[in-house]
Amino acid sequence: MKKIFMLIVLSGFVIYAQPERQQRKGWEEYKKFEQLEKAKIIEILDLNEEEAVRFFAKRNEYRNEVKKLLEKRKELVRELEENIEKKKSDNNYYKKAIAEINSIDMKISEEKLKFYRSLEEILEANEIAKLIVFEYTFRRDMARKLMKRNR
Protein backbone atom coordinates (compact mmCIF):
# COMPACT_ATOMS: atom_id res chain seq x y z
CA MET A 1 0.00 0.00 0.00
CA LYS A 2 2.84 2.39 0.86
CA LYS A 3 4.51 1.63 -2.47
CA ILE A 4 1.32 2.43 -4.37
CA PHE A 5 0.88 5.66 -2.41
CA MET A 6 4.49 6.68 -3.11
CA LEU A 7 4.07 5.83 -6.78
CA ILE A 8 0.99 8.04 -7.01
CA VAL A 9 2.72 10.90 -5.18
CA LEU A 10 5.86 10.63 -7.32
CA SER A 11 3.89 10.47 -10.57
CA GLY A 12 2.06 13.61 -9.46
CA PHE A 13 5.38 15.39 -9.01
CA VAL A 14 6.58 14.24 -12.41
CA ILE A 15 3.37 15.40 -14.10
CA TYR A 16 3.47 18.72 -12.25
CA ALA A 17 7.17 19.29 -12.94
CA GLN A 18 6.91 18.54 -16.67
CA PRO A 19 5.28 21.83 -17.75
CA GLU A 20 7.65 23.75 -15.48
CA ARG A 21 10.64 22.09 -17.14
CA GLN A 22 9.22 22.87 -20.57
CA GLN A 23 8.66 26.51 -19.60
CA ARG A 24 12.19 26.73 -18.24
CA LYS A 25 13.56 25.17 -21.45
CA GLY A 26 11.55 27.63 -23.55
CA TRP A 27 12.85 30.54 -21.45
CA GLU A 28 16.44 29.27 -21.78
CA GLU A 29 16.02 29.00 -25.57
CA TYR A 30 14.59 32.52 -25.66
CA LYS A 31 17.58 33.83 -23.68
CA LYS A 32 20.00 32.09 -26.07
CA PHE A 33 18.11 33.61 -28.99
CA GLU A 34 18.41 37.07 -27.38
CA GLN A 35 22.15 36.62 -26.70
CA LEU A 36 22.79 35.47 -30.26
CA GLU A 37 20.80 38.41 -31.62
CA LYS A 38 22.75 40.88 -29.47
CA ALA A 39 26.09 39.41 -30.50
CA LYS A 40 25.14 39.57 -34.18
CA ILE A 41 23.96 43.19 -33.87
CA ILE A 42 27.23 44.21 -32.22
CA GLU A 43 29.14 42.42 -34.98
CA ILE A 44 27.09 43.73 -37.92
CA LEU A 45 27.10 47.31 -36.67
CA ASP A 46 30.69 47.05 -35.41
CA LEU A 47 29.71 48.69 -32.11
CA ASN A 48 32.31 49.56 -29.52
CA GLU A 49 31.43 49.09 -25.84
CA GLU A 50 30.04 52.59 -25.30
CA GLU A 51 27.95 52.45 -28.48
CA ALA A 52 26.64 49.00 -27.55
CA VAL A 53 25.57 50.20 -24.10
CA ARG A 54 23.80 53.24 -25.56
CA PHE A 55 22.22 51.21 -28.37
CA PHE A 56 20.83 48.48 -26.13
CA ALA A 57 19.57 51.01 -23.58
CA LYS A 58 17.53 52.68 -26.34
CA ARG A 59 16.44 49.32 -27.71
CA ASN A 60 15.32 48.07 -24.29
CA GLU A 61 13.35 51.26 -23.71
CA TYR A 62 11.67 50.85 -27.11
CA ARG A 63 10.89 47.18 -26.50
CA ASN A 64 9.40 47.91 -23.08
CA GLU A 65 7.08 50.54 -24.54
CA VAL A 66 5.99 48.22 -27.34
CA LYS A 67 5.48 45.37 -24.86
CA LYS A 68 3.09 47.55 -22.83
CA LEU A 69 1.17 48.49 -25.97
CA LEU A 70 0.99 44.88 -27.14
CA GLU A 71 -0.36 43.75 -23.75
CA LYS A 72 -3.04 46.43 -23.97
CA ARG A 73 -3.89 45.36 -27.53
CA LYS A 74 -3.99 41.70 -26.52
CA GLU A 75 -6.47 42.48 -23.74
CA LEU A 76 -8.70 44.47 -26.11
CA VAL A 77 -8.69 41.63 -28.64
CA ARG A 78 -9.58 39.16 -25.87
CA GLU A 79 -12.52 41.34 -24.83
CA LEU A 80 -13.56 41.64 -28.46
CA GLU A 81 -13.39 37.88 -28.88
CA GLU A 82 -15.49 37.29 -25.75
CA ASN A 83 -18.14 39.72 -26.95
CA ILE A 84 -18.23 38.14 -30.39
CA GLU A 85 -18.71 34.71 -28.78
CA LYS A 86 -21.50 36.14 -26.63
CA LYS A 87 -22.99 37.54 -29.84
CA LYS A 88 -23.01 41.07 -28.50
CA SER A 89 -24.77 43.21 -31.08
CA ASP A 90 -23.79 46.72 -29.94
CA ASN A 91 -22.34 48.22 -33.12
CA ASN A 92 -20.98 51.27 -31.26
CA TYR A 93 -19.02 48.98 -28.93
CA TYR A 94 -17.35 47.29 -31.92
CA LYS A 95 -16.56 50.61 -33.60
CA LYS A 96 -14.95 51.89 -30.41
CA ALA A 97 -12.98 48.65 -29.88
CA ILE A 98 -11.71 48.68 -33.46
CA ALA A 99 -10.69 52.33 -33.13
CA GLU A 100 -8.78 51.58 -29.90
CA ILE A 101 -6.94 48.66 -31.48
CA ASN A 102 -6.06 50.77 -34.53
CA SER A 103 -4.86 53.53 -32.23
CA ILE A 104 -2.56 51.10 -30.42
CA ASP A 105 -1.21 49.82 -33.75
CA MET A 106 -0.42 53.41 -34.74
CA LYS A 107 1.32 54.02 -31.40
CA ILE A 108 3.46 50.92 -31.98
CA SER A 109 4.48 52.30 -35.38
CA GLU A 110 5.21 55.69 -33.81
CA GLU A 111 7.39 54.03 -31.16
CA LYS A 112 9.36 52.23 -33.89
CA LEU A 113 9.86 55.48 -35.78
CA LYS A 114 10.93 57.23 -32.56
CA PHE A 115 13.37 54.38 -31.83
CA TYR A 116 15.00 54.55 -35.27
CA ARG A 117 15.25 58.34 -35.03
CA SER A 118 16.87 58.05 -31.60
CA LEU A 119 19.50 55.77 -33.10
CA GLU A 120 20.70 58.64 -35.30
CA GLU A 121 22.57 59.86 -32.19
CA ILE A 122 24.66 56.66 -32.28
CA LEU A 123 24.54 55.23 -35.81
CA GLU A 124 24.86 56.42 -39.37
CA ALA A 125 21.89 55.99 -41.74
CA ASN A 126 23.55 53.03 -43.50
CA GLU A 127 24.03 51.31 -40.13
CA ILE A 128 20.36 51.81 -39.24
CA ALA A 129 19.53 50.30 -42.63
CA LYS A 130 21.76 47.31 -41.82
CA LEU A 131 19.92 46.92 -38.52
CA ILE A 132 16.51 46.96 -40.21
CA VAL A 133 17.60 44.31 -42.72
CA PHE A 134 19.24 42.22 -39.98
CA GLU A 135 16.17 42.29 -37.72
CA TYR A 136 13.96 41.16 -40.57
CA THR A 137 16.20 38.37 -41.82
CA PHE A 138 17.22 37.14 -38.35
CA ARG A 139 13.63 36.76 -37.16
CA ARG A 140 12.57 35.20 -40.46
CA ASP A 141 15.42 32.67 -40.31
CA MET A 142 14.74 31.85 -36.65
CA ALA A 143 11.03 31.35 -37.37
CA ARG A 144 11.90 28.99 -40.24
CA LYS A 145 14.23 26.98 -38.02
CA LEU A 146 11.58 26.70 -35.33
CA MET A 147 8.99 25.58 -37.85
CA LYS A 148 11.36 22.94 -39.25
CA ARG A 149 12.16 21.70 -35.75
CA ASN A 150 8.48 21.41 -34.84
CA ARG A 151 7.63 19.31 -37.90
C-alpha atoms as a PDB file:
ATOM      1  CA  MET A   1       0.000   0.000   0.000  1.00  0.00           C
ATOM      2  CA  LYS A   2       2.840   2.393   0.864  1.00  0.00           C
ATOM      3  CA  LYS A   3       4.508   1.633  -2.466  1.00  0.00           C
ATOM      4  CA  ILE A   4       1.319   2.430  -4.369  1.00  0.00           C
ATOM      5  CA  PHE A   5       0.879   5.658  -2.413  1.00  0.00           C
ATOM      6  CA  MET A   6       4.492   6.678  -3.105  1.00  0.00           C
ATOM      7  CA  LEU A   7       4.074   5.826  -6.776  1.00  0.00           C
ATOM      8  CA  ILE A   8       0.986   8.040  -7.008  1.00  0.00           C
ATOM      9  CA  VAL A   9       2.722  10.900  -5.184  1.00  0.00           C
ATOM     10  CA  LEU A  10       5.859  10.631  -7.324  1.00  0.00           C
ATOM     11  CA  SER A  11       3.886  10.469 -10.566  1.00  0.00           C
ATOM     12  CA  GLY A  12       2.057  13.614  -9.456  1.00  0.00           C
ATOM     13  CA  PHE A  13       5.376  15.386  -9.013  1.00  0.00           C
ATOM     14  CA  VAL A  14       6.583  14.243 -12.413  1.00  0.00           C
ATOM     15  CA  ILE A  15       3.372  15.402 -14.103  1.00  0.00           C
ATOM     16  CA  TYR A  16       3.470  18.725 -12.247  1.00  0.00           C
ATOM     17  CA  ALA A  17       7.173  19.294 -12.944  1.00  0.00           C
ATOM     18  CA  GLN A  18       6.910  18.537 -16.667  1.00  0.00           C
ATOM     19  CA  PRO A  19       5.281  21.832 -17.753  1.00  0.00           C
ATOM     20  CA  GLU A  20       7.649  23.753 -15.479  1.00  0.00           C
ATOM     21  CA  ARG A  21      10.641  22.095 -17.143  1.00  0.00           C
ATOM     22  CA  GLN A  22       9.219  22.866 -20.571  1.00  0.00           C
ATOM     23  CA  GLN A  23       8.663  26.506 -19.601  1.00  0.00           C
ATOM     24  CA  ARG A  24      12.191  26.734 -18.242  1.00  0.00           C
ATOM     25  CA  LYS A  25      13.558  25.166 -21.448  1.00  0.00           C
ATOM     26  CA  GLY A  26      11.545  27.634 -23.549  1.00  0.00           C
ATOM     27  CA  TRP A  27      12.855  30.538 -21.451  1.00  0.00           C
ATOM     28  CA  GLU A  28      16.440  29.269 -21.785  1.00  0.00           C
ATOM     29  CA  GLU A  29      16.020  28.999 -25.566  1.00  0.00           C
ATOM     30  CA  TYR A  30      14.588  32.522 -25.659  1.00  0.00           C
ATOM     31  CA  LYS A  31      17.575  33.831 -23.683  1.00  0.00           C
ATOM     32  CA  LYS A  32      20.000  32.090 -26.075  1.00  0.00           C
ATOM     33  CA  PHE A  33      18.111  33.610 -28.994  1.00  0.00           C
ATOM     34  CA  GLU A  34      18.409  37.068 -27.379  1.00  0.00           C
ATOM     35  CA  GLN A  35      22.149  36.622 -26.704  1.00  0.00           C
ATOM     36  CA  LEU A  36      22.791  35.471 -30.263  1.00  0.00           C
ATOM     37  CA  GLU A  37      20.805  38.407 -31.621  1.00  0.00           C
ATOM     38  CA  LYS A  38      22.748  40.883 -29.468  1.00  0.00           C
ATOM     39  CA  ALA A  39      26.093  39.413 -30.504  1.00  0.00           C
ATOM     40  CA  LYS A  40      25.140  39.574 -34.183  1.00  0.00           C
ATOM     41  CA  ILE A  41      23.956  43.190 -33.870  1.00  0.00           C
ATOM     42  CA  ILE A  42      27.226  44.207 -32.218  1.00  0.00           C
ATOM     43  CA  GLU A  43      29.139  42.416 -34.977  1.00  0.00           C
ATOM     44  CA  ILE A  44      27.086  43.726 -37.925  1.00  0.00           C
ATOM     45  CA  LEU A  45      27.096  47.307 -36.674  1.00  0.00           C
ATOM     46  CA  ASP A  46      30.692  47.051 -35.412  1.00  0.00           C
ATOM     47  CA  LEU A  47      29.710  48.690 -32.109  1.00  0.00           C
ATOM     48  CA  ASN A  48      32.310  49.562 -29.520  1.00  0.00           C
ATOM     49  CA  GLU A  49      31.428  49.086 -25.843  1.00  0.00           C
ATOM     50  CA  GLU A  50      30.040  52.594 -25.304  1.00  0.00           C
ATOM     51  CA  GLU A  51      27.953  52.447 -28.482  1.00  0.00           C
ATOM     52  CA  ALA A  52      26.640  48.997 -27.551  1.00  0.00           C
ATOM     53  CA  VAL A  53      25.574  50.201 -24.101  1.00  0.00           C
ATOM     54  CA  ARG A  54      23.802  53.237 -25.563  1.00  0.00           C
ATOM     55  CA  PHE A  55      22.221  51.212 -28.373  1.00  0.00           C
ATOM     56  CA  PHE A  56      20.826  48.478 -26.127  1.00  0.00           C
ATOM     57  CA  ALA A  57      19.573  51.013 -23.578  1.00  0.00           C
ATOM     58  CA  LYS A  58      17.532  52.682 -26.337  1.00  0.00           C
ATOM     59  CA  ARG A  59      16.439  49.316 -27.711  1.00  0.00           C
ATOM     60  CA  ASN A  60      15.318  48.075 -24.288  1.00  0.00           C
ATOM     61  CA  GLU A  61      13.348  51.264 -23.713  1.00  0.00           C
ATOM     62  CA  TYR A  62      11.667  50.848 -27.113  1.00  0.00           C
ATOM     63  CA  ARG A  63      10.889  47.184 -26.500  1.00  0.00           C
ATOM     64  CA  ASN A  64       9.404  47.905 -23.076  1.00  0.00           C
ATOM     65  CA  GLU A  65       7.078  50.539 -24.537  1.00  0.00           C
ATOM     66  CA  VAL A  66       5.994  48.217 -27.341  1.00  0.00           C
ATOM     67  CA  LYS A  67       5.476  45.375 -24.864  1.00  0.00           C
ATOM     68  CA  LYS A  68       3.091  47.545 -22.834  1.00  0.00           C
ATOM     69  CA  LEU A  69       1.166  48.487 -25.966  1.00  0.00           C
ATOM     70  CA  LEU A  70       0.986  44.876 -27.141  1.00  0.00           C
ATOM     71  CA  GLU A  71      -0.361  43.754 -23.755  1.00  0.00           C
ATOM     72  CA  LYS A  72      -3.040  46.427 -23.967  1.00  0.00           C
ATOM     73  CA  ARG A  73      -3.887  45.356 -27.528  1.00  0.00           C
ATOM     74  CA  LYS A  74      -3.988  41.699 -26.521  1.00  0.00           C
ATOM     75  CA  GLU A  75      -6.469  42.484 -23.745  1.00  0.00           C
ATOM     76  CA  LEU A  76      -8.696  44.470 -26.111  1.00  0.00           C
ATOM     77  CA  VAL A  77      -8.688  41.632 -28.640  1.00  0.00           C
ATOM     78  CA  ARG A  78      -9.584  39.156 -25.868  1.00  0.00           C
ATOM     79  CA  GLU A  79     -12.517  41.342 -24.835  1.00  0.00           C
ATOM     80  CA  LEU A  80     -13.559  41.644 -28.461  1.00  0.00           C
ATOM     81  CA  GLU A  81     -13.390  37.878 -28.882  1.00  0.00           C
ATOM     82  CA  GLU A  82     -15.490  37.291 -25.747  1.00  0.00           C
ATOM     83  CA  ASN A  83     -18.142  39.719 -26.947  1.00  0.00           C
ATOM     84  CA  ILE A  84     -18.228  38.140 -30.390  1.00  0.00           C
ATOM     85  CA  GLU A  85     -18.708  34.711 -28.780  1.00  0.00           C
ATOM     86  CA  LYS A  86     -21.503  36.142 -26.627  1.00  0.00           C
ATOM     87  CA  LYS A  87     -22.993  37.537 -29.845  1.00  0.00           C
ATOM     88  CA  LYS A  88     -23.008  41.071 -28.497  1.00  0.00           C
ATOM     89  CA  SER A  89     -24.768  43.215 -31.078  1.00  0.00           C
ATOM     90  CA  ASP A  90     -23.788  46.721 -29.944  1.00  0.00           C
ATOM     91  CA  ASN A  91     -22.339  48.221 -33.118  1.00  0.00           C
ATOM     92  CA  ASN A  92     -20.975  51.265 -31.258  1.00  0.00           C
ATOM     93  CA  TYR A  93     -19.020  48.975 -28.932  1.00  0.00           C
ATOM     94  CA  TYR A  94     -17.349  47.289 -31.918  1.00  0.00           C
ATOM     95  CA  LYS A  95     -16.558  50.610 -33.602  1.00  0.00           C
ATOM     96  CA  LYS A  96     -14.950  51.886 -30.408  1.00  0.00           C
ATOM     97  CA  ALA A  97     -12.976  48.655 -29.876  1.00  0.00           C
ATOM     98  CA  ILE A  98     -11.710  48.676 -33.461  1.00  0.00           C
ATOM     99  CA  ALA A  99     -10.689  52.329 -33.129  1.00  0.00           C
ATOM    100  CA  GLU A 100      -8.783  51.579 -29.898  1.00  0.00           C
ATOM    101  CA  ILE A 101      -6.940  48.657 -31.484  1.00  0.00           C
ATOM    102  CA  ASN A 102      -6.059  50.766 -34.534  1.00  0.00           C
ATOM    103  CA  SER A 103      -4.863  53.527 -32.231  1.00  0.00           C
ATOM    104  CA  ILE A 104      -2.560  51.102 -30.422  1.00  0.00           C
ATOM    105  CA  ASP A 105      -1.212  49.825 -33.752  1.00  0.00           C
ATOM    106  CA  MET A 106      -0.423  53.410 -34.739  1.00  0.00           C
ATOM    107  CA  LYS A 107       1.322  54.019 -31.399  1.00  0.00           C
ATOM    108  CA  ILE A 108       3.463  50.917 -31.982  1.00  0.00           C
ATOM    109  CA  SER A 109       4.485  52.304 -35.383  1.00  0.00           C
ATOM    110  CA  GLU A 110       5.214  55.688 -33.806  1.00  0.00           C
ATOM    111  CA  GLU A 111       7.391  54.029 -31.164  1.00  0.00           C
ATOM    112  CA  LYS A 112       9.356  52.234 -33.887  1.00  0.00           C
ATOM    113  CA  LEU A 113       9.862  55.475 -35.776  1.00  0.00           C
ATOM    114  CA  LYS A 114      10.928  57.225 -32.558  1.00  0.00           C
ATOM    115  CA  PHE A 115      13.366  54.382 -31.831  1.00  0.00           C
ATOM    116  CA  TYR A 116      15.003  54.555 -35.271  1.00  0.00           C
ATOM    117  CA  ARG A 117      15.250  58.341 -35.027  1.00  0.00           C
ATOM    118  CA  SER A 118      16.874  58.053 -31.596  1.00  0.00           C
ATOM    119  CA  LEU A 119      19.498  55.765 -33.097  1.00  0.00           C
ATOM    120  CA  GLU A 120      20.697  58.636 -35.297  1.00  0.00           C
ATOM    121  CA  GLU A 121      22.572  59.861 -32.194  1.00  0.00           C
ATOM    122  CA  ILE A 122      24.658  56.662 -32.279  1.00  0.00           C
ATOM    123  CA  LEU A 123      24.536  55.231 -35.807  1.00  0.00           C
ATOM    124  CA  GLU A 124      24.862  56.421 -39.370  1.00  0.00           C
ATOM    125  CA  ALA A 125      21.894  55.988 -41.736  1.00  0.00           C
ATOM    126  CA  ASN A 126      23.551  53.032 -43.502  1.00  0.00           C
ATOM    127  CA  GLU A 127      24.031  51.310 -40.129  1.00  0.00           C
ATOM    128  CA  ILE A 128      20.359  51.809 -39.238  1.00  0.00           C
ATOM    129  CA  ALA A 129      19.529  50.304 -42.630  1.00  0.00           C
ATOM    130  CA  LYS A 130      21.759  47.314 -41.823  1.00  0.00           C
ATOM    131  CA  LEU A 131      19.921  46.920 -38.517  1.00  0.00           C
ATOM    132  CA  ILE A 132      16.513  46.960 -40.210  1.00  0.00           C
ATOM    133  CA  VAL A 133      17.603  44.306 -42.716  1.00  0.00           C
ATOM    134  CA  PHE A 134      19.238  42.222 -39.984  1.00  0.00           C
ATOM    135  CA  GLU A 135      16.174  42.287 -37.716  1.00  0.00           C
ATOM    136  CA  TYR A 136      13.957  41.158 -40.572  1.00  0.00           C
ATOM    137  CA  THR A 137      16.201  38.366 -41.819  1.00  0.00           C
ATOM    138  CA  PHE A 138      17.219  37.139 -38.349  1.00  0.00           C
ATOM    139  CA  ARG A 139      13.628  36.762 -37.156  1.00  0.00           C
ATOM    140  CA  ARG A 140      12.569  35.197 -40.462  1.00  0.00           C
ATOM    141  CA  ASP A 141      15.417  32.670 -40.308  1.00  0.00           C
ATOM    142  CA  MET A 142      14.738  31.847 -36.650  1.00  0.00           C
ATOM    143  CA  ALA A 143      11.034  31.348 -37.374  1.00  0.00           C
ATOM    144  CA  ARG A 144      11.901  28.991 -40.244  1.00  0.00           C
ATOM    145  CA  LYS A 145      14.235  26.982 -38.016  1.00  0.00           C
ATOM    146  CA  LEU A 146      11.582  26.696 -35.327  1.00  0.00           C
ATOM    147  CA  MET A 147       8.989  25.576 -37.850  1.00  0.00           C
ATOM    148  CA  LYS A 148      11.361  22.939 -39.255  1.00  0.00           C
ATOM    149  CA  ARG A 149      12.156  21.704 -35.748  1.00  0.00           C
ATOM    150  CA  ASN A 150       8.482  21.413 -34.842  1.00  0.00           C
ATOM    151  CA  ARG A 151       7.634  19.313 -37.903  1.00  0.00           C
END
